[in-house]
Amino acid sequence: GIPVPAMSAALSFYDGYRSASLPANLLQAQRD
């Protein structure tokens, strides 16, 4: 229960940047 907002944001960014596919396809479907 120890907050690490910067460390975890960095890891999430890293995992997002290295992902060839992200769930933004669903986001685009929702917007449409």
PDB file of all heavy atoms in Angstrom:
ATOM      1  N   GLY A   1       0.801  -1.220   0.000  1.00  0.00           N
ATOM      2  CA  GLY A   1       0.000   0.000   0.000  1.00  0.00           C
ATOM      3  C   GLY A   1       0.830   1.265   0.000  1.00  0.00           C
ATOM      4  O   GLY A   1       0.420   2.293   0.530  1.00  0.00           O
ATOM      5  N   ILE A   2       2.015   1.202  -0.605  1.00  0.00           N
ATOM      6  CA  ILE A   2       2.912   2.352  -0.674  1.00  0.00           C
ATOM      7  C   ILE A   2       2.767   2.999  -2.047  1.00  0.00           C
ATOM      8  O   ILE A   2       2.991   2.335  -3.065  1.00  0.00           O
ATOM      9  CB  ILE A   2       4.374   1.933  -0.430  1.00  0.00           C
ATOM     10  CG1 ILE A   2       4.517   1.372   0.987  1.00  0.00           C
ATOM     11  CG2 ILE A   2       5.330   3.106  -0.643  1.00  0.00           C
ATOM     12  CD1 ILE A   2       5.879   0.742   1.260  1.00  0.00           C
ATOM     13  N   PRO A   3       2.386   4.276  -2.124  1.00  0.00           N
ATOM     14  CA  PRO A   3       2.196   4.915  -3.438  1.00  0.00           C
ATOM     15  C   PRO A   3       3.517   5.143  -4.154  1.00  0.00           C
ATOM     16  O   PRO A   3       4.464   5.676  -3.573  1.00  0.00           O
ATOM     17  CB  PRO A   3       1.516   6.243  -3.087  1.00  0.00           C
ATOM     18  CG  PRO A   3       1.968   6.545  -1.686  1.00  0.00           C
ATOM     19  CD  PRO A   3       2.101   5.198  -1.009  1.00  0.00           C
ATOM     20  N   VAL A   4       3.563   4.724  -5.404  1.00  0.00           N
ATOM     21  CA  VAL A   4       4.735   4.970  -6.259  1.00  0.00           C
ATOM     22  C   VAL A   4       4.235   5.480  -7.618  1.00  0.00           C
ATOM     23  O   VAL A   4       4.429   4.822  -8.647  1.00  0.00           O
ATOM     24  CB  VAL A   4       5.625   3.715  -6.407  1.00  0.00           C
ATOM     25  CG1 VAL A   4       6.429   3.448  -5.152  1.00  0.00           C
ATOM     26  CG2 VAL A   4       4.786   2.481  -6.768  1.00  0.00           C
ATOM     27  N   PRO A   5       3.602   6.641  -7.653  1.00  0.00           N
ATOM     28  CA  PRO A   5       2.973   7.109  -8.891  1.00  0.00           C
ATOM     29  C   PRO A   5       3.945   7.319 -10.041  1.00  0.00           C
ATOM     30  O   PRO A   5       3.619   7.021 -11.191  1.00  0.00           O
ATOM     31  CB  PRO A   5       2.307   8.421  -8.477  1.00  0.00           C
ATOM     32  CG  PRO A   5       3.041   8.868  -7.244  1.00  0.00           C
ATOM     33  CD  PRO A   5       3.404   7.593  -6.549  1.00  0.00           C
ATOM     34  N   ALA A   6       5.142   7.819  -9.761  1.00  0.00           N
ATOM     35  CA  ALA A   6       6.090   8.094 -10.846  1.00  0.00           C
ATOM     36  C   ALA A   6       6.726   6.809 -11.361  1.00  0.00           C
ATOM     37  O   ALA A   6       6.850   6.601 -12.570  1.00  0.00           O
ATOM     38  CB  ALA A   6       7.157   9.080 -10.382  1.00  0.00           C
ATOM     39  N   MET A   7       7.150   5.928 -10.449  1.00  0.00           N
ATOM     40  CA  MET A   7       7.744   4.665 -10.885  1.00  0.00           C
ATOM     41  C   MET A   7       6.751   3.836 -11.704  1.00  0.00           C
ATOM     42  O   MET A   7       7.109   3.240 -12.727  1.00  0.00           O
ATOM     43  CB  MET A   7       8.197   3.842  -9.683  1.00  0.00           C
ATOM     44  CG  MET A   7       9.498   4.289  -9.055  1.00  0.00           C
ATOM     45  SD  MET A   7       9.977   3.152  -7.737  1.00  0.00           S
ATOM     46  CE  MET A   7      11.465   3.995  -7.124  1.00  0.00           C
ATOM     47  N   SER A   8       5.501   3.773 -11.231  1.00  0.00           N
ATOM     48  CA  SER A   8       4.516   2.955 -11.933  1.00  0.00           C
ATOM     49  C   SER A   8       4.082   3.610 -13.239  1.00  0.00           C
ATOM     50  O   SER A   8       3.834   2.914 -14.236  1.00  0.00           O
ATOM     51  CB  SER A   8       3.307   2.682 -11.034  1.00  0.00           C
ATOM     52  OG  SER A   8       2.734   3.880 -10.554  1.00  0.00           O
ATOM     53  N   ALA A   9       4.009   4.950 -13.269  1.00  0.00           N
ATOM     54  CA  ALA A   9       3.695   5.629 -14.529  1.00  0.00           C
ATOM     55  C   ALA A   9       4.787   5.367 -15.558  1.00  0.00           C
ATOM     56  O   ALA A   9       4.507   5.203 -16.752  1.00  0.00           O
ATOM     57  CB  ALA A   9       3.538   7.129 -14.293  1.00  0.00           C
ATOM     58  N   ALA A  10       6.031   5.334 -15.104  1.00  0.00           N
ATOM     59  CA  ALA A  10       7.145   5.065 -16.017  1.00  0.00           C
ATOM     60  C   ALA A  10       7.031   3.667 -16.604  1.00  0.00           C
ATOM     61  O   ALA A  10       7.232   3.458 -17.811  1.00  0.00           O
ATOM     62  CB  ALA A  10       8.469   5.225 -15.280  1.00  0.00           C
ATOM     63  N   LEU A  11       6.695   2.684 -15.762  1.00  0.00           N
ATOM     64  CA  LEU A  11       6.576   1.314 -16.252  1.00  0.00           C
ATOM     65  C   LEU A  11       5.384   1.172 -17.203  1.00  0.00           C
ATOM     66  O   LEU A  11       5.481   0.503 -18.237  1.00  0.00           O
ATOM     67  CB  LEU A  11       6.427   0.347 -15.082  1.00  0.00           C
ATOM     68  CG  LEU A  11       6.331  -1.137 -15.453  1.00  0.00           C
ATOM     69  CD1 LEU A  11       7.544  -1.587 -16.263  1.00  0.00           C
ATOM     70  CD2 LEU A  11       6.172  -1.998 -14.204  1.00  0.00           C
ATOM     71  N   SER A  12       4.274   1.826 -16.884  1.00  0.00           N
ATOM     72  CA  SER A  12       3.112   1.775 -17.773  1.00  0.00           C
ATOM     73  C   SER A  12       3.434   2.407 -19.127  1.00  0.00           C
ATOM     74  O   SER A  12       3.025   1.899 -20.175  1.00  0.00           O
ATOM     75  CB  SER A  12       1.917   2.485 -17.130  1.00  0.00           C
ATOM     76  OG  SER A  12       1.442   1.767 -16.020  1.00  0.00           O
ATOM     77  N   PHE A  13       4.173   3.502 -19.103  1.00  0.00           N
ATOM     78  CA  PHE A  13       4.576   4.129 -20.362  1.00  0.00           C
ATOM     79  C   PHE A  13       5.476   3.194 -21.161  1.00  0.00           C
ATOM     80  O   PHE A  13       5.294   3.024 -22.376  1.00  0.00           O
ATOM     81  CB  PHE A  13       5.299   5.444 -20.090  1.00  0.00           C
ATOM     82  CG  PHE A  13       5.880   6.079 -21.325  1.00  0.00           C
ATOM     83  CD1 PHE A  13       5.088   6.833 -22.171  1.00  0.00           C
ATOM     84  CD2 PHE A  13       7.214   5.897 -21.656  1.00  0.00           C
ATOM     85  CE1 PHE A  13       5.613   7.391 -23.333  1.00  0.00           C
ATOM     86  CE2 PHE A  13       7.752   6.453 -22.807  1.00  0.00           C
ATOM     87  CZ  PHE A  13       6.940   7.207 -23.640  1.00  0.00           C
ATOM     88  N   TYR A  14       6.441   2.586 -20.481  1.00  0.00           N
ATOM     89  CA  TYR A  14       7.355   1.662 -21.150  1.00  0.00           C
ATOM     90  C   TYR A  14       6.579   0.506 -21.793  1.00  0.00           C
ATOM     91  O   TYR A  14       6.793   0.166 -22.969  1.00  0.00           O
ATOM     92  CB  TYR A  14       8.374   1.116 -20.143  1.00  0.00           C
ATOM     93  CG  TYR A  14       9.282   0.046 -20.697  1.00  0.00           C
ATOM     94  CD1 TYR A  14      10.360   0.370 -21.505  1.00  0.00           C
ATOM     95  CD2 TYR A  14       9.052  -1.297 -20.403  1.00  0.00           C
ATOM     96  CE1 TYR A  14      11.191  -0.619 -22.022  1.00  0.00           C
ATOM     97  CE2 TYR A  14       9.875  -2.288 -20.910  1.00  0.00           C
ATOM     98  CZ  TYR A  14      10.939  -1.947 -21.725  1.00  0.00           C
ATOM     99  OH  TYR A  14      11.756  -2.931 -22.233  1.00  0.00           O
ATOM    100  N   ASP A  15       5.658  -0.074 -21.023  1.00  0.00           N
ATOM    101  CA  ASP A  15       4.886  -1.192 -21.565  1.00  0.00           C
ATOM    102  C   ASP A  15       3.978  -0.729 -22.706  1.00  0.00           C
ATOM    103  O   ASP A  15       3.752  -1.479 -23.665  1.00  0.00           O
ATOM    104  CB  ASP A  15       4.052  -1.839 -20.453  1.00  0.00           C
ATOM    105  CG  ASP A  15       4.893  -2.726 -19.535  1.00  0.00           C
ATOM    106  OD1 ASP A  15       5.985  -3.156 -19.965  1.00  0.00           O
ATOM    107  OD2 ASP A  15       4.468  -2.980 -18.394  1.00  0.00           O
ATOM    108  N   GLY A  16       3.451   0.479 -22.614  1.00  0.00           N
ATOM    109  CA  GLY A  16       2.633   0.997 -23.707  1.00  0.00           C
ATOM    110  C   GLY A  16       3.444   1.285 -24.947  1.00  0.00           C
ATOM    111  O   GLY A  16       3.036   0.960 -26.069  1.00  0.00           O
ATOM    112  N   TYR A  17       4.629   1.874 -24.763  1.00  0.00           N
ATOM    113  CA  TYR A  17       5.466   2.244 -25.907  1.00  0.00           C
ATOM    114  C   TYR A  17       5.975   1.020 -26.656  1.00  0.00           C
ATOM    115  O   TYR A  17       6.128   1.048 -27.887  1.00  0.00           O
ATOM    116  CB  TYR A  17       6.638   3.104 -25.428  1.00  0.00           C
ATOM    117  CG  TYR A  17       7.421   3.753 -26.549  1.00  0.00           C
ATOM    118  CD1 TYR A  17       6.949   4.899 -27.175  1.00  0.00           C
ATOM    119  CD2 TYR A  17       8.629   3.210 -26.977  1.00  0.00           C
ATOM    120  CE1 TYR A  17       7.666   5.502 -28.206  1.00  0.00           C
ATOM    121  CE2 TYR A  17       9.354   3.804 -27.996  1.00  0.00           C
ATOM    122  CZ  TYR A  17       8.870   4.945 -28.612  1.00  0.00           C
ATOM    123  OH  TYR A  17       9.579   5.536 -29.638  1.00  0.00           O
ATOM    124  N   ARG A  18       6.207  -0.058 -25.917  1.00  0.00           N
ATOM    125  CA  ARG A  18       6.743  -1.267 -26.562  1.00  0.00           C
ATOM    126  C   ARG A  18       5.632  -2.172 -27.101  1.00  0.00           C
ATOM    127  O   ARG A  18       5.913  -3.255 -27.636  1.00  0.00           O
ATOM    128  CB  ARG A  18       7.616  -2.056 -25.590  1.00  0.00           C
ATOM    129  CG  ARG A  18       6.850  -2.700 -24.468  1.00  0.00           C
ATOM    130  CD  ARG A  18       7.720  -3.542 -23.539  1.00  0.00           C
ATOM    131  NE  ARG A  18       6.894  -4.219 -22.550  1.00  0.00           N
ATOM    132  CZ  ARG A  18       6.247  -5.353 -22.786  1.00  0.00           C
ATOM    133  NH1 ARG A  18       6.345  -5.943 -23.955  1.00  0.00           N
ATOM    134  NH2 ARG A  18       5.499  -5.897 -21.839  1.00  0.00           N
ATOM    135  N   SER A  19       4.358  -1.758 -26.954  1.00  0.00           N
ATOM    136  CA  SER A  19       3.237  -2.588 -27.406  1.00  0.00           C
ATOM    137  C   SER A  19       2.860  -2.253 -28.844  1.00  0.00           C
ATOM    138  O   SER A  19       2.512  -1.103 -29.152  1.00  0.00           O
ATOM    139  CB  SER A  19       2.019  -2.381 -26.499  1.00  0.00           C
ATOM    140  OG  SER A  19       2.286  -2.807 -25.179  1.00  0.00           O
ATOM    141  N   ALA A  20       2.886  -3.259 -29.713  1.00  0.00           N
ATOM    142  CA  ALA A  20       2.454  -3.042 -31.091  1.00  0.00           C
ATOM    143  C   ALA A  20       0.944  -2.844 -31.172  1.00  0.00           C
ATOM    144  O   ALA A  20       0.440  -2.213 -32.105  1.00  0.00           O
ATOM    145  CB  ALA A  20       2.869  -4.233 -31.958  1.00  0.00           C
ATOM    146  N   SER A  21       0.218  -3.371 -30.182  1.00  0.00           N
ATOM    147  CA  SER A  21      -1.240  -3.218 -30.148  1.00  0.00           C
ATOM    148  C   SER A  21      -1.664  -2.712 -28.779  1.00  0.00           C
ATOM    149  O   SER A  21      -1.204  -3.219 -27.747  1.00  0.00           O
ATOM    150  CB  SER A  21      -1.935  -4.553 -30.430  1.00  0.00           C
ATOM    151  OG  SER A  21      -1.653  -5.011 -31.741  1.00  0.00           O
ATOM    152  N   LEU A  22      -2.556  -1.722 -28.784  1.00  0.00           N
ATOM    153  CA  LEU A  22      -3.132  -1.168 -27.560  1.00  0.00           C
ATOM    154  C   LEU A  22      -4.652  -1.190 -27.684  1.00  0.00           C
ATOM    155  O   LEU A  22      -5.190  -1.264 -28.798  1.00  0.00           O
ATOM    156  CB  LEU A  22      -2.626   0.258 -27.330  1.00  0.00           C
ATOM    157  CG  LEU A  22      -1.154   0.421 -26.957  1.00  0.00           C
ATOM    158  CD1 LEU A  22      -0.747   1.887 -26.971  1.00  0.00           C
ATOM    159  CD2 LEU A  22      -0.868  -0.194 -25.584  1.00  0.00           C
ATOM    160  N   PRO A  23      -5.387  -1.095 -26.588  1.00  0.00           N
ATOM    161  CA  PRO A  23      -6.848  -1.176 -26.650  1.00  0.00           C
ATOM    162  C   PRO A  23      -7.529   0.084 -27.164  1.00  0.00           C
ATOM    163  O   PRO A  23      -8.735   0.254 -26.978  1.00  0.00           O
ATOM    164  CB  PRO A  23      -7.242  -1.457 -25.193  1.00  0.00           C
ATOM    165  CG  PRO A  23      -6.155  -0.833 -24.391  1.00  0.00           C
ATOM    166  CD  PRO A  23      -4.899  -1.061 -25.189  1.00  0.00           C
ATOM    167  N   ALA A  24      -6.788   0.948 -27.836  1.00  0.00           N
ATOM    168  CA  ALA A  24      -7.388   2.161 -28.389  1.00  0.00           C
ATOM    169  C   ALA A  24      -8.374   1.853 -29.509  1.00  0.00           C
ATOM    170  O   ALA A  24      -9.174   2.719 -29.889  1.00  0.00           O
ATOM    171  CB  ALA A  24      -6.304   3.113 -28.892  1.00  0.00           C
ATOM    172  N   ASN A  25      -8.338   0.622 -30.043  1.00  0.00           N
ATOM    173  CA  ASN A  25      -9.346   0.254 -31.042  1.00  0.00           C
ATOM    174  C   ASN A  25     -10.742   0.292 -30.425  1.00  0.00           C
ATOM    175  O   ASN A  25     -11.701   0.775 -31.048  1.00  0.00           O
ATOM    176  CB  ASN A  25      -9.041  -1.122 -31.647  1.00  0.00           C
ATOM    177  CG  ASN A  25      -8.916  -2.222 -30.607  1.00  0.00           C
ATOM    178  OD1 ASN A  25      -8.602  -1.958 -29.446  1.00  0.00           O
ATOM    179  ND2 ASN A  25      -9.152  -3.468 -31.007  1.00  0.00           N
ATOM    180  N   LEU A  26     -10.876  -0.194 -29.182  1.00  0.00           N
ATOM    181  CA  LEU A  26     -12.162  -0.129 -28.494  1.00  0.00           C
ATOM    182  C   LEU A  26     -12.554   1.317 -28.203  1.00  0.00           C
ATOM    183  O   LEU A  26     -13.721   1.707 -28.345  1.00  0.00           O
ATOM    184  CB  LEU A  26     -12.109  -0.942 -27.199  1.00  0.00           C
ATOM    185  CG  LEU A  26     -13.369  -0.898 -26.321  1.00  0.00           C
ATOM    186  CD1 LEU A  26     -14.593  -1.370 -27.099  1.00  0.00           C
ATOM    187  CD2 LEU A  26     -13.167  -1.730 -25.056  1.00  0.00           C
ATOM    188  N   LEU A  27     -11.555   2.110 -27.825  1.00  0.00           N
ATOM    189  CA  LEU A  27     -11.822   3.526 -27.558  1.00  0.00           C
ATOM    190  C   LEU A  27     -12.385   4.219 -28.804  1.00  0.00           C
ATOM    191  O   LEU A  27     -13.338   4.996 -28.741  1.00  0.00           O
ATOM    192  CB  LEU A  27     -10.536   4.202 -27.081  1.00  0.00           C
ATOM    193  CG  LEU A  27     -10.636   5.611 -26.514  1.00  0.00           C
ATOM    194  CD1 LEU A  27      -9.561   5.827 -25.464  1.00  0.00           C
ATOM    195  CD2 LEU A  27     -10.500   6.667 -27.598  1.00  0.00           C
ATOM    196  N   GLN A  28     -11.780   3.923 -29.961  1.00  0.00           N
ATOM    197  CA  GLN A  28     -12.253   4.514 -31.207  1.00  0.00           C
ATOM    198  C   GLN A  28     -13.666   4.048 -31.554  1.00  0.00           C
ATOM    199  O   GLN A  28     -14.484   4.817 -32.068  1.00  0.00           O
ATOM    200  CB  GLN A  28     -11.290   4.187 -32.350  1.00  0.00           C
ATOM    201  CG  GLN A  28     -10.004   4.994 -32.337  1.00  0.00           C
ATOM    202  CD  GLN A  28     -10.261   6.483 -32.449  1.00  0.00           C
ATOM    203  OE1 GLN A  28     -10.352   7.194 -31.450  1.00  0.00           O
ATOM    204  NE2 GLN A  28     -10.413   6.968 -33.685  1.00  0.00           N
ATOM    205  N   ALA A  29     -13.952   2.763 -31.265  1.00  0.00           N
ATOM    206  CA  ALA A  29     -15.305   2.263 -31.494  1.00  0.00           C
ATOM    207  C   ALA A  29     -16.307   2.983 -30.596  1.00  0.00           C
ATOM    208  O   ALA A  29     -17.416   3.342 -31.033  1.00  0.00           O
ATOM    209  CB  ALA A  29     -15.351   0.757 -31.248  1.00  0.00           C
ATOM    210  N   GLN A  30     -15.937   3.213 -29.344  1.00  0.00           N
ATOM    211  CA  GLN A  30     -16.812   3.947 -28.425  1.00  0.00           C
ATOM    212  C   GLN A  30     -17.076   5.364 -28.929  1.00  0.00           C
ATOM    213  O   GLN A  30     -18.222   5.846 -28.919  1.00  0.00           O
ATOM    214  CB  GLN A  30     -16.175   3.992 -27.028  1.00  0.00           C
ATOM    215  CG  GLN A  30     -16.106   2.638 -26.331  1.00  0.00           C
ATOM    216  CD  GLN A  30     -15.238   2.686 -25.085  1.00  0.00           C
ATOM    217  OE1 GLN A  30     -14.321   3.513 -24.979  1.00  0.00           O
ATOM    218  NE2 GLN A  30     -15.510   1.786 -24.145  1.00  0.00           N
ATOM    219  N   ARG A  31     -16.014   6.034 -29.384  1.00  0.00           N
ATOM    220  CA  ARG A  31     -16.170   7.401 -29.892  1.00  0.00           C
ATOM    221  C   ARG A  31     -17.079   7.431 -31.120  1.00  0.00           C
ATOM    222  O   ARG A  31     -17.901   8.331 -31.289  1.00  0.00           O
ATOM    223  CB  ARG A  31     -14.792   7.998 -30.239  1.00  0.00           C
ATOM    224  CG  ARG A  31     -13.885   8.198 -29.042  1.00  0.00           C
ATOM    225  CD  ARG A  31     -12.530   8.787 -29.454  1.00  0.00           C
ATOM    226  NE  ARG A  31     -12.662  10.166 -29.886  1.00  0.00           N
ATOM    227  CZ  ARG A  31     -12.391  10.607 -31.104  1.00  0.00           C
ATOM    228  NH1 ARG A  31     -11.986   9.756 -32.048  1.00  0.00           N
ATOM    229  NH2 ARG A  31     -12.530  11.878 -31.407  1.00  0.00           N
ATOM    230  N   ASP A  32     -16.919   6.427 -31.955  1.00  0.00           N
ATOM    231  CA  ASP A  32     -17.754   6.386 -33.156  1.00  0.00           C
ATOM    232  C   ASP A  32     -19.205   6.067 -32.806  1.00  0.00           C
ATOM    233  O   ASP A  32     -20.133   6.601 -33.422  1.00  0.00           O
ATOM    234  CB  ASP A  32     -17.199   5.336 -34.120  1.00  0.00           C
ATOM    235  CG  ASP A  32     -17.872   5.402 -35.487  1.00  0.00           C
ATOM    236  OD1 ASP A  32     -17.888   6.502 -36.078  1.00  0.00           O
ATOM    237  OD2 ASP A  32     -18.371   4.368 -35.947  1.00  0.00           O
TER     238      ASP A  32
END
